[in-house]
Amino acid sequence: MAWDYIEGKWKEMRGKVRERWGKLTDDDLDLIAGKRDQLIGRLQQRYGLKKDEIEREVDEFERGYEPTGGRSAR
């Protein structure tokens, strides 16, 4: 559910994604266009991590935008 929010607010969320994963370029963010699977693929390319490691990071990021609790303080 949280990813639906992130995808719907992608223009606003791009900055948060860039803060978290600074190796992503503007072109990467344009190609990702709010799609979770595209984000995971690009992160694998940029960071050279395994898919399950990237998915854990994306899950953690996503939990920060749960509709019930909102953003976590970091």
C-alpha atoms as a PDB file:
ATOM      1  CA  MET A   1       0.000   0.000   0.000  1.00  0.00           C
ATOM      2  CA  ALA A   2       2.785   2.443   0.845  1.00  0.00           C
ATOM      3  CA  TRP A   3       4.348   1.926  -2.567  1.00  0.00           C
ATOM      4  CA  ASP A   4       1.112   3.086  -4.199  1.00  0.00           C
ATOM      5  CA  TYR A   5       1.548   6.337  -2.289  1.00  0.00           C
ATOM      6  CA  ILE A   6       5.214   6.637  -3.303  1.00  0.00           C
ATOM      7  CA  GLU A   7       4.396   5.911  -6.943  1.00  0.00           C
ATOM      8  CA  GLY A   8       1.534   8.422  -6.950  1.00  0.00           C
ATOM      9  CA  LYS A   9       3.759  11.108  -5.450  1.00  0.00           C
ATOM     10  CA  TRP A  10       6.858  10.212  -7.474  1.00  0.00           C
ATOM     11  CA  LYS A  11       7.740  13.783  -8.408  1.00  0.00           C
ATOM     12  CA  GLU A  12       7.833  14.707  -4.714  1.00  0.00           C
ATOM     13  CA  MET A  13       9.464  11.424  -3.663  1.00  0.00           C
ATOM     14  CA  ARG A  14      12.357  11.637  -6.149  1.00  0.00           C
ATOM     15  CA  GLY A  15      14.266  13.853  -3.749  1.00  0.00           C
ATOM     16  CA  LYS A  16      13.804  11.425  -0.864  1.00  0.00           C
ATOM     17  CA  VAL A  17      14.947   8.534  -3.058  1.00  0.00           C
ATOM     18  CA  ARG A  18      17.978  10.554  -4.161  1.00  0.00           C
ATOM     19  CA  GLU A  19      18.821  11.383  -0.531  1.00  0.00           C
ATOM     20  CA  ARG A  20      18.718   7.701   0.365  1.00  0.00           C
ATOM     21  CA  TRP A  21      20.519   6.418  -2.734  1.00  0.00           C
ATOM     22  CA  GLY A  22      22.807   9.183  -3.953  1.00  0.00           C
ATOM     23  CA  LYS A  23      24.313   7.155  -6.802  1.00  0.00           C
ATOM     24  CA  LEU A  24      21.042   7.352  -8.743  1.00  0.00           C
ATOM     25  CA  THR A  25      21.107   9.940 -11.505  1.00  0.00           C
ATOM     26  CA  ASP A  26      18.270  12.142 -12.728  1.00  0.00           C
ATOM     27  CA  ASP A  27      18.069   9.886 -15.782  1.00  0.00           C
ATOM     28  CA  ASP A  28      17.728   6.859 -13.494  1.00  0.00           C
ATOM     29  CA  LEU A  29      14.912   8.543 -11.600  1.00  0.00           C
ATOM     30  CA  ASP A  30      13.160   9.422 -14.850  1.00  0.00           C
ATOM     31  CA  LEU A  31      13.377   5.806 -16.010  1.00  0.00           C
ATOM     32  CA  ILE A  32      12.220   4.453 -12.641  1.00  0.00           C
ATOM     33  CA  ALA A  33       9.121   6.685 -12.782  1.00  0.00           C
ATOM     34  CA  GLY A  34       7.851   5.394  -9.439  1.00  0.00           C
ATOM     35  CA  LYS A  35       8.017   1.718 -10.411  1.00  0.00           C
ATOM     36  CA  ARG A  36       9.341  -0.392  -7.532  1.00  0.00           C
ATOM     37  CA  ASP A  37      10.855  -3.102  -9.749  1.00  0.00           C
ATOM     38  CA  GLN A  38      12.668  -0.463 -11.822  1.00  0.00           C
ATOM     39  CA  LEU A  39      14.066   1.101  -8.646  1.00  0.00           C
ATOM     40  CA  ILE A  40      15.343  -2.271  -7.449  1.00  0.00           C
ATOM     41  CA  GLY A  41      16.982  -2.967 -10.811  1.00  0.00           C
ATOM     42  CA  ARG A  42      18.694   0.416 -10.953  1.00  0.00           C
ATOM     43  CA  LEU A  43      19.907   0.093  -7.376  1.00  0.00           C
ATOM     44  CA  GLN A  44      21.394  -3.302  -8.200  1.00  0.00           C
ATOM     45  CA  GLN A  45      23.250  -1.746 -11.131  1.00  0.00           C
ATOM     46  CA  ARG A  46      24.517   1.275  -9.211  1.00  0.00           C
ATOM     47  CA  TYR A  47      25.425  -0.425  -5.933  1.00  0.00           C
ATOM     48  CA  GLY A  48      26.271  -3.960  -7.059  1.00  0.00           C
ATOM     49  CA  LEU A  49      24.241  -5.581  -4.281  1.00  0.00           C
ATOM     50  CA  LYS A  50      22.122  -8.708  -4.409  1.00  0.00           C
ATOM     51  CA  LYS A  51      18.428  -8.349  -5.152  1.00  0.00           C
ATOM     52  CA  ASP A  52      17.368  -9.486  -1.674  1.00  0.00           C
ATOM     53  CA  GLU A  53      19.628  -6.877  -0.043  1.00  0.00           C
ATOM     54  CA  ILE A  54      18.186  -4.125  -2.224  1.00  0.00           C
ATOM     55  CA  GLU A  55      14.621  -5.321  -1.577  1.00  0.00           C
ATOM     56  CA  ARG A  56      15.236  -5.088   2.191  1.00  0.00           C
ATOM     57  CA  GLU A  57      16.460  -1.512   1.800  1.00  0.00           C
ATOM     58  CA  VAL A  58      13.493  -0.571  -0.384  1.00  0.00           C
ATOM     59  CA  ASP A  59      11.101  -2.245   2.098  1.00  0.00           C
ATOM     60  CA  GLU A  60      12.619  -0.164   4.901  1.00  0.00           C
ATOM     61  CA  PHE A  61      12.283   3.003   2.834  1.00  0.00           C
ATOM     62  CA  GLU A  62       8.684   2.114   1.966  1.00  0.00           C
ATOM     63  CA  ARG A  63       7.763   1.532   5.629  1.00  0.00           C
ATOM     64  CA  GLY A  64       8.663   5.153   6.282  1.00  0.00           C
ATOM     65  CA  TYR A  65       5.664   6.129   4.147  1.00  0.00           C
ATOM     66  CA  GLU A  66       2.989   3.790   5.515  1.00  0.00           C
ATOM     67  CA  PRO A  67      -0.403   5.495   5.438  1.00  0.00           C
ATOM     68  CA  THR A  68      -1.126   4.612   9.079  1.00  0.00           C
ATOM     69  CA  GLY A  69       2.012   5.915  10.708  1.00  0.00           C
ATOM     70  CA  GLY A  70       3.468   8.270   8.226  1.00  0.00           C
ATOM     71  CA  ARG A  71       7.121   8.931   7.986  1.00  0.00           C
ATOM     72  CA  SER A  72       9.606   7.699  10.514  1.00  0.00           C
ATOM     73  CA  ALA A  73      11.899  10.215  12.126  1.00  0.00           C
ATOM     74  CA  ARG A  74      15.445   9.877  10.852  1.00  0.00           C
END
